[in-house]
N, C-alpha and C. Protein backbone atom coordinates (compact mmCIF):
# COMPACT_ATOMS: atom_id res chain seq x y z
N MET A 1 -23.43 16.09 -8.74
CA MET A 1 -24.44 17.00 -8.21
C MET A 1 -24.80 16.66 -6.78
N LYS A 2 -24.25 15.60 -6.21
CA LYS A 2 -24.62 15.18 -4.86
C LYS A 2 -24.26 16.21 -3.79
N ASN A 3 -23.44 17.20 -4.12
CA ASN A 3 -23.07 18.22 -3.16
C ASN A 3 -23.58 19.61 -3.52
N ASN A 4 -24.42 19.71 -4.55
CA ASN A 4 -24.92 21.00 -5.03
C ASN A 4 -26.42 21.11 -4.80
N PHE A 5 -26.80 22.16 -4.05
CA PHE A 5 -28.20 22.35 -3.67
C PHE A 5 -28.56 23.82 -3.68
N TRP A 6 -29.85 24.08 -3.82
CA TRP A 6 -30.42 25.41 -3.62
C TRP A 6 -31.16 25.36 -2.29
N LEU A 7 -30.88 26.32 -1.42
CA LEU A 7 -31.56 26.41 -0.13
C LEU A 7 -31.79 27.88 0.17
N LEU A 8 -33.02 28.24 0.42
CA LEU A 8 -33.41 29.62 0.70
C LEU A 8 -32.99 30.57 -0.42
N GLY A 9 -33.02 30.07 -1.65
CA GLY A 9 -32.68 30.88 -2.81
C GLY A 9 -31.19 31.09 -3.03
N ILE A 10 -30.38 30.38 -2.26
CA ILE A 10 -28.92 30.50 -2.36
C ILE A 10 -28.37 29.16 -2.84
N HIS A 11 -27.47 29.21 -3.83
CA HIS A 11 -26.83 27.97 -4.28
C HIS A 11 -25.73 27.60 -3.31
N ARG A 12 -25.71 26.34 -2.89
CA ARG A 12 -24.73 25.87 -1.92
C ARG A 12 -24.01 24.65 -2.46
N ASN A 13 -22.69 24.71 -2.45
CA ASN A 13 -21.85 23.59 -2.85
C ASN A 13 -21.11 23.11 -1.61
N ILE A 14 -21.44 21.92 -1.14
CA ILE A 14 -20.81 21.37 0.06
C ILE A 14 -19.44 20.83 -0.34
N ILE A 15 -18.40 21.53 0.06
CA ILE A 15 -17.03 21.14 -0.25
C ILE A 15 -16.54 20.07 0.72
N ALA A 16 -16.85 20.25 2.00
CA ALA A 16 -16.51 19.26 3.03
C ALA A 16 -17.57 19.32 4.11
N ASP A 17 -17.89 18.17 4.69
CA ASP A 17 -18.87 18.12 5.77
C ASP A 17 -18.28 17.33 6.94
N GLY A 18 -19.12 17.05 7.92
CA GLY A 18 -18.65 16.36 9.12
C GLY A 18 -18.03 15.01 8.85
N ASP A 19 -18.47 14.31 7.80
CA ASP A 19 -17.86 13.03 7.46
C ASP A 19 -16.40 13.21 7.02
N ASP A 20 -16.12 14.34 6.39
CA ASP A 20 -14.76 14.63 5.91
C ASP A 20 -13.87 15.23 6.99
N THR A 21 -14.49 15.88 8.00
CA THR A 21 -13.72 16.65 8.98
C THR A 21 -13.84 16.11 10.39
N ASP A 22 -14.28 14.86 10.52
CA ASP A 22 -14.46 14.24 11.84
C ASP A 22 -15.40 15.08 12.72
N GLY A 23 -16.42 15.67 12.07
CA GLY A 23 -17.42 16.44 12.80
C GLY A 23 -16.99 17.83 13.22
N GLN A 24 -15.79 18.24 12.82
CA GLN A 24 -15.27 19.52 13.28
C GLN A 24 -15.93 20.72 12.59
N TYR A 25 -16.22 20.59 11.29
CA TYR A 25 -16.80 21.74 10.58
C TYR A 25 -17.39 21.30 9.24
N ASP A 26 -18.25 22.17 8.70
CA ASP A 26 -18.75 22.08 7.32
C ASP A 26 -18.11 23.24 6.57
N PHE A 27 -17.70 22.99 5.33
CA PHE A 27 -17.03 23.99 4.49
C PHE A 27 -17.86 24.10 3.22
N ILE A 28 -18.53 25.24 3.03
CA ILE A 28 -19.54 25.35 1.99
C ILE A 28 -19.35 26.63 1.17
N GLU A 29 -19.39 26.47 -0.15
CA GLU A 29 -19.37 27.61 -1.05
C GLU A 29 -20.81 28.02 -1.32
N GLY A 30 -21.09 29.31 -1.27
CA GLY A 30 -22.43 29.81 -1.55
C GLY A 30 -22.41 30.89 -2.60
N VAL A 31 -23.46 30.93 -3.42
CA VAL A 31 -23.64 32.01 -4.39
C VAL A 31 -25.08 32.51 -4.26
N ALA A 32 -25.20 33.80 -3.98
CA ALA A 32 -26.52 34.41 -3.81
C ALA A 32 -26.67 35.59 -4.76
N GLN A 33 -27.81 35.65 -5.43
CA GLN A 33 -28.09 36.79 -6.29
C GLN A 33 -28.31 38.03 -5.43
N SER A 34 -27.98 39.19 -5.97
CA SER A 34 -28.19 40.43 -5.25
C SER A 34 -29.65 40.53 -4.80
N GLY A 35 -29.84 40.88 -3.55
CA GLY A 35 -31.19 40.97 -2.99
C GLY A 35 -31.61 39.74 -2.21
N SER A 36 -30.89 38.62 -2.38
CA SER A 36 -31.20 37.41 -1.62
C SER A 36 -30.90 37.65 -0.15
N LYS A 37 -31.73 37.07 0.71
CA LYS A 37 -31.48 37.21 2.14
C LYS A 37 -32.03 36.01 2.89
N THR A 38 -31.44 35.78 4.05
CA THR A 38 -31.93 34.72 4.92
C THR A 38 -32.90 35.33 5.92
N PRO A 39 -33.76 34.52 6.49
CA PRO A 39 -34.57 35.05 7.59
C PRO A 39 -33.67 35.23 8.82
N PRO A 40 -34.03 36.11 9.73
CA PRO A 40 -33.27 36.22 10.98
C PRO A 40 -33.30 34.87 11.71
N HIS A 41 -32.16 34.50 12.29
CA HIS A 41 -32.07 33.20 12.95
C HIS A 41 -30.92 33.17 13.95
N ILE A 42 -30.88 32.10 14.73
CA ILE A 42 -29.83 31.87 15.72
C ILE A 42 -29.34 30.44 15.57
N HIS A 43 -28.03 30.25 15.66
CA HIS A 43 -27.44 28.90 15.75
C HIS A 43 -27.00 28.70 17.20
N HIS A 44 -27.63 27.76 17.88
CA HIS A 44 -27.27 27.52 19.29
C HIS A 44 -26.16 26.50 19.46
N GLN A 45 -25.82 25.75 18.40
CA GLN A 45 -24.84 24.68 18.54
C GLN A 45 -23.53 24.91 17.80
N TYR A 46 -23.46 25.94 16.97
CA TYR A 46 -22.24 26.14 16.18
C TYR A 46 -22.07 27.62 15.80
N ALA A 47 -20.81 27.97 15.50
CA ALA A 47 -20.48 29.30 14.99
C ALA A 47 -20.50 29.25 13.47
N GLU A 48 -20.71 30.40 12.86
CA GLU A 48 -20.75 30.53 11.40
C GLU A 48 -19.74 31.60 10.98
N THR A 49 -18.80 31.23 10.13
CA THR A 49 -17.83 32.19 9.62
C THR A 49 -18.11 32.41 8.14
N GLU A 50 -18.30 33.65 7.75
CA GLU A 50 -18.55 34.02 6.36
C GLU A 50 -17.31 34.72 5.80
N TYR A 51 -16.86 34.30 4.63
CA TYR A 51 -15.73 34.91 3.95
C TYR A 51 -16.18 35.23 2.53
N VAL A 52 -16.05 36.49 2.12
CA VAL A 52 -16.56 36.93 0.82
C VAL A 52 -15.47 36.80 -0.25
N ILE A 53 -15.84 36.13 -1.34
CA ILE A 53 -14.96 35.97 -2.50
C ILE A 53 -15.29 37.04 -3.55
N GLU A 54 -16.58 37.24 -3.82
CA GLU A 54 -17.06 38.23 -4.80
C GLU A 54 -18.32 38.88 -4.25
N GLY A 55 -18.58 40.10 -4.68
CA GLY A 55 -19.81 40.78 -4.31
C GLY A 55 -19.73 41.42 -2.93
N GLU A 56 -20.89 41.54 -2.31
CA GLU A 56 -20.99 42.21 -1.01
C GLU A 56 -22.00 41.45 -0.15
N LEU A 57 -21.63 41.20 1.10
CA LEU A 57 -22.50 40.51 2.04
C LEU A 57 -22.73 41.41 3.24
N THR A 58 -24.00 41.60 3.58
CA THR A 58 -24.34 42.37 4.77
C THR A 58 -24.87 41.42 5.82
N ILE A 59 -24.31 41.53 7.02
CA ILE A 59 -24.73 40.71 8.15
C ILE A 59 -25.42 41.63 9.14
N PHE A 60 -26.67 41.33 9.44
CA PHE A 60 -27.46 42.10 10.40
C PHE A 60 -27.46 41.33 11.71
N THR A 61 -27.16 42.01 12.81
CA THR A 61 -27.19 41.38 14.13
C THR A 61 -27.98 42.25 15.08
N ASP A 62 -28.15 41.75 16.28
CA ASP A 62 -28.87 42.52 17.29
C ASP A 62 -28.04 43.69 17.81
N THR A 63 -26.75 43.74 17.46
CA THR A 63 -25.90 44.83 17.93
C THR A 63 -25.36 45.72 16.82
N GLY A 64 -25.75 45.44 15.57
CA GLY A 64 -25.27 46.29 14.49
C GLY A 64 -25.22 45.57 13.16
N THR A 65 -24.72 46.25 12.16
CA THR A 65 -24.65 45.74 10.80
C THR A 65 -23.20 45.72 10.35
N ILE A 66 -22.81 44.62 9.72
CA ILE A 66 -21.45 44.45 9.20
C ILE A 66 -21.56 44.27 7.69
N VAL A 67 -20.79 45.03 6.92
CA VAL A 67 -20.78 44.90 5.47
C VAL A 67 -19.42 44.35 5.07
N LEU A 68 -19.43 43.20 4.38
CA LEU A 68 -18.19 42.54 3.96
C LEU A 68 -18.02 42.64 2.46
N HIS A 69 -16.77 42.89 2.05
CA HIS A 69 -16.39 42.94 0.64
C HIS A 69 -15.38 41.83 0.36
N PRO A 70 -15.03 41.59 -0.90
CA PRO A 70 -14.08 40.52 -1.21
C PRO A 70 -12.82 40.59 -0.35
N GLY A 71 -12.45 39.43 0.17
CA GLY A 71 -11.27 39.34 1.03
C GLY A 71 -11.54 39.56 2.49
N GLN A 72 -12.80 39.87 2.84
CA GLN A 72 -13.14 40.11 4.24
C GLN A 72 -13.99 38.97 4.79
N GLY A 73 -13.87 38.73 6.08
CA GLY A 73 -14.64 37.68 6.73
C GLY A 73 -15.12 38.13 8.10
N TYR A 74 -16.06 37.38 8.63
CA TYR A 74 -16.63 37.68 9.94
C TYR A 74 -17.16 36.38 10.53
N THR A 75 -16.90 36.18 11.83
CA THR A 75 -17.42 35.02 12.53
C THR A 75 -18.60 35.43 13.39
N ILE A 76 -19.71 34.74 13.19
CA ILE A 76 -20.92 34.94 13.98
C ILE A 76 -20.89 33.88 15.08
N PRO A 77 -20.71 34.28 16.33
CA PRO A 77 -20.62 33.27 17.39
C PRO A 77 -21.94 32.55 17.60
N LYS A 78 -21.87 31.32 18.09
CA LYS A 78 -23.12 30.61 18.39
C LYS A 78 -23.92 31.43 19.40
N GLY A 79 -25.24 31.39 19.23
CA GLY A 79 -26.12 32.14 20.11
C GLY A 79 -26.37 33.58 19.70
N LYS A 80 -25.74 34.04 18.60
CA LYS A 80 -25.88 35.44 18.16
C LYS A 80 -26.97 35.54 17.09
N PRO A 81 -28.07 36.26 17.36
CA PRO A 81 -29.10 36.45 16.33
C PRO A 81 -28.51 37.18 15.12
N HIS A 82 -28.86 36.72 13.92
CA HIS A 82 -28.33 37.35 12.72
C HIS A 82 -29.18 37.02 11.49
N ALA A 83 -28.96 37.78 10.44
CA ALA A 83 -29.54 37.54 9.12
C ALA A 83 -28.48 37.99 8.12
N LEU A 84 -28.51 37.39 6.94
CA LEU A 84 -27.53 37.70 5.89
C LEU A 84 -28.25 38.18 4.64
N ALA A 85 -27.61 39.10 3.92
CA ALA A 85 -28.19 39.58 2.66
C ALA A 85 -27.08 39.86 1.66
N ALA A 86 -27.32 39.45 0.41
CA ALA A 86 -26.42 39.78 -0.70
C ALA A 86 -26.82 41.17 -1.15
N THR A 87 -25.97 42.16 -0.87
CA THR A 87 -26.37 43.55 -1.07
C THR A 87 -25.60 44.28 -2.16
N GLY A 88 -24.70 43.61 -2.84
CA GLY A 88 -23.94 44.26 -3.90
C GLY A 88 -24.67 44.28 -5.22
N GLN A 89 -24.01 44.80 -6.23
CA GLN A 89 -24.59 44.89 -7.57
C GLN A 89 -24.44 43.60 -8.36
N ILE A 90 -23.57 42.71 -7.90
CA ILE A 90 -23.33 41.43 -8.57
C ILE A 90 -23.62 40.31 -7.58
N PRO A 91 -23.76 39.07 -8.06
CA PRO A 91 -23.96 37.97 -7.12
C PRO A 91 -22.84 37.92 -6.07
N THR A 92 -23.21 37.50 -4.88
CA THR A 92 -22.25 37.39 -3.79
C THR A 92 -21.81 35.94 -3.66
N LYS A 93 -20.50 35.73 -3.75
CA LYS A 93 -19.93 34.39 -3.60
C LYS A 93 -19.18 34.34 -2.27
N THR A 94 -19.51 33.34 -1.46
CA THR A 94 -18.91 33.23 -0.14
C THR A 94 -18.38 31.82 0.10
N ILE A 95 -17.49 31.74 1.06
CA ILE A 95 -17.12 30.47 1.67
C ILE A 95 -17.62 30.58 3.10
N THR A 96 -18.36 29.56 3.54
CA THR A 96 -18.90 29.55 4.89
C THR A 96 -18.39 28.33 5.62
N VAL A 97 -17.97 28.54 6.86
CA VAL A 97 -17.56 27.45 7.73
C VAL A 97 -18.52 27.42 8.91
N PHE A 98 -19.17 26.29 9.10
CA PHE A 98 -20.03 26.06 10.26
C PHE A 98 -19.25 25.12 11.17
N SER A 99 -19.00 25.57 12.42
CA SER A 99 -18.16 24.77 13.30
C SER A 99 -18.75 24.70 14.71
N PRO A 100 -19.02 23.46 15.20
CA PRO A 100 -18.81 22.17 14.56
C PRO A 100 -19.81 21.92 13.43
N SER A 101 -19.61 20.82 12.74
CA SER A 101 -20.45 20.50 11.57
C SER A 101 -21.88 20.20 11.98
N GLY A 102 -22.76 20.21 11.00
CA GLY A 102 -24.17 19.90 11.22
C GLY A 102 -25.07 20.51 10.16
N PHE A 103 -24.75 21.73 9.72
CA PHE A 103 -25.64 22.41 8.78
C PHE A 103 -25.64 21.76 7.40
N ALA A 104 -24.55 21.14 7.00
CA ALA A 104 -24.52 20.46 5.69
C ALA A 104 -25.60 19.38 5.61
N GLN A 105 -25.90 18.75 6.74
CA GLN A 105 -26.97 17.74 6.76
C GLN A 105 -28.32 18.38 6.45
N VAL A 106 -28.55 19.58 6.95
CA VAL A 106 -29.80 20.29 6.68
C VAL A 106 -29.87 20.66 5.20
N ILE A 107 -28.76 21.12 4.65
CA ILE A 107 -28.72 21.47 3.23
C ILE A 107 -29.08 20.25 2.38
N ARG A 108 -28.48 19.11 2.69
CA ARG A 108 -28.75 17.89 1.91
C ARG A 108 -30.20 17.43 2.03
N ALA A 109 -30.78 17.57 3.21
CA ALA A 109 -32.14 17.06 3.45
C ALA A 109 -33.24 18.03 2.98
N ALA A 110 -33.02 19.33 3.12
CA ALA A 110 -34.06 20.31 2.77
C ALA A 110 -33.76 21.06 1.49
N GLY A 111 -32.52 20.96 0.99
CA GLY A 111 -32.14 21.66 -0.22
C GLY A 111 -32.71 21.01 -1.47
N ILE A 112 -32.74 21.78 -2.52
CA ILE A 112 -33.22 21.31 -3.82
C ILE A 112 -31.98 21.04 -4.68
N PRO A 113 -31.75 19.77 -5.07
CA PRO A 113 -30.56 19.48 -5.87
C PRO A 113 -30.52 20.31 -7.16
N GLY A 114 -29.34 20.81 -7.49
CA GLY A 114 -29.20 21.58 -8.72
C GLY A 114 -27.86 22.28 -8.79
N ILE A 115 -27.39 22.46 -10.00
CA ILE A 115 -26.12 23.15 -10.18
C ILE A 115 -26.36 24.63 -10.47
N LEU A 116 -25.39 25.42 -10.16
CA LEU A 116 -25.51 26.87 -10.27
C LEU A 116 -25.86 27.31 -11.68
N THR A 117 -25.22 26.72 -12.69
CA THR A 117 -25.42 27.17 -14.07
C THR A 117 -26.83 26.89 -14.59
N ASP A 118 -27.56 25.99 -13.92
CA ASP A 118 -28.96 25.74 -14.31
C ASP A 118 -29.89 26.82 -13.79
N GLY A 119 -29.42 27.66 -12.89
CA GLY A 119 -30.24 28.74 -12.35
C GLY A 119 -31.15 28.28 -11.24
N LEU A 120 -31.79 29.25 -10.63
CA LEU A 120 -32.71 29.02 -9.52
C LEU A 120 -33.85 28.11 -9.95
N PRO A 121 -34.12 27.06 -9.17
CA PRO A 121 -35.22 26.16 -9.55
C PRO A 121 -36.58 26.82 -9.35
N ASP A 122 -37.59 26.27 -10.02
CA ASP A 122 -38.96 26.77 -9.86
C ASP A 122 -39.48 26.50 -8.45
N LYS A 123 -39.06 25.41 -7.87
CA LYS A 123 -39.49 24.99 -6.54
C LYS A 123 -38.79 25.84 -5.48
N LYS A 124 -39.51 26.19 -4.41
CA LYS A 124 -38.94 26.95 -3.30
C LYS A 124 -38.64 26.00 -2.13
N THR A 125 -37.76 26.45 -1.25
CA THR A 125 -37.43 25.68 -0.05
C THR A 125 -38.69 25.42 0.76
N ASP A 126 -38.86 24.17 1.18
CA ASP A 126 -39.96 23.79 2.06
C ASP A 126 -39.60 24.30 3.46
N MET A 127 -40.17 25.43 3.85
CA MET A 127 -39.80 26.07 5.11
C MET A 127 -40.18 25.24 6.33
N GLU A 128 -41.26 24.49 6.26
CA GLU A 128 -41.63 23.64 7.39
C GLU A 128 -40.56 22.57 7.61
N LEU A 129 -40.15 21.91 6.53
CA LEU A 129 -39.09 20.91 6.62
C LEU A 129 -37.79 21.55 7.08
N PHE A 130 -37.43 22.68 6.47
CA PHE A 130 -36.20 23.38 6.84
C PHE A 130 -36.19 23.72 8.33
N ASN A 131 -37.28 24.31 8.84
CA ASN A 131 -37.34 24.70 10.25
C ASN A 131 -37.28 23.49 11.17
N THR A 132 -37.92 22.39 10.77
CA THR A 132 -37.86 21.17 11.58
C THR A 132 -36.43 20.64 11.65
N LEU A 133 -35.79 20.50 10.50
CA LEU A 133 -34.43 19.94 10.46
C LEU A 133 -33.42 20.87 11.13
N SER A 134 -33.52 22.15 10.87
CA SER A 134 -32.56 23.07 11.49
C SER A 134 -32.81 23.15 13.00
N GLY A 135 -34.06 23.02 13.42
CA GLY A 135 -34.36 22.99 14.85
C GLY A 135 -33.73 21.80 15.55
N GLU A 136 -33.61 20.69 14.83
CA GLU A 136 -32.98 19.49 15.40
C GLU A 136 -31.50 19.69 15.69
N ILE A 137 -30.86 20.66 15.01
CA ILE A 137 -29.44 20.94 15.28
C ILE A 137 -29.27 22.24 16.08
N GLY A 138 -30.35 22.71 16.70
CA GLY A 138 -30.26 23.86 17.59
C GLY A 138 -30.47 25.22 16.96
N ASP A 139 -30.97 25.26 15.72
CA ASP A 139 -31.23 26.55 15.06
C ASP A 139 -32.66 27.00 15.34
N VAL A 140 -32.85 28.29 15.41
CA VAL A 140 -34.17 28.87 15.60
C VAL A 140 -34.35 29.98 14.58
N THR A 141 -35.43 29.90 13.78
CA THR A 141 -35.78 30.99 12.88
C THR A 141 -36.59 32.01 13.67
N LEU A 142 -36.20 33.26 13.57
CA LEU A 142 -36.82 34.33 14.33
C LEU A 142 -37.88 35.06 13.49
N SER A 143 -38.62 35.90 14.12
CA SER A 143 -39.62 36.72 13.44
C SER A 143 -38.94 37.59 12.37
N PRO A 144 -39.59 37.76 11.21
CA PRO A 144 -39.00 38.60 10.15
C PRO A 144 -38.71 40.03 10.59
N ASP A 145 -39.40 40.52 11.61
CA ASP A 145 -39.19 41.91 12.04
C ASP A 145 -38.15 42.04 13.16
N THR A 146 -37.37 40.96 13.39
CA THR A 146 -36.32 40.99 14.40
C THR A 146 -35.29 42.06 14.08
N PHE A 147 -34.93 42.20 12.78
CA PHE A 147 -33.99 43.21 12.33
C PHE A 147 -34.62 43.95 11.17
N ILE A 148 -34.18 45.17 10.95
CA ILE A 148 -34.57 45.88 9.74
C ILE A 148 -33.56 45.48 8.68
N ILE A 149 -34.04 44.73 7.69
CA ILE A 149 -33.15 44.23 6.63
C ILE A 149 -33.48 44.95 5.34
């Protein structure tokens, strides 16, 4: 269970992190229930690539909306404001690559340990801790009204 966490209501399984990849990237499997979404945010130090395995993922940006289905991927360049939402009828399963690495450390420190089959924990993500830790790696959480989600 050392690599399985719940963060922002999304189950995250850290497959590889900076220790495994010489700091080049984090490789993370995510499962989000339909309707789950992240707050709008920006990564100033790394790019984020989302690849959909199951379900549907909608990416909201300041320049438009991208809807991904199984077999499709999209790279969000560093510095690009965005938010993600699981918008299909079934849970959305993704593989995410954060490059260079860094976000896996935030997941480990602010995430709630737990395996997917146990379901969403009663405890919610500590947003103050999450924002502090993600801010240390150059992330900024934006106002909820940044995008219409």
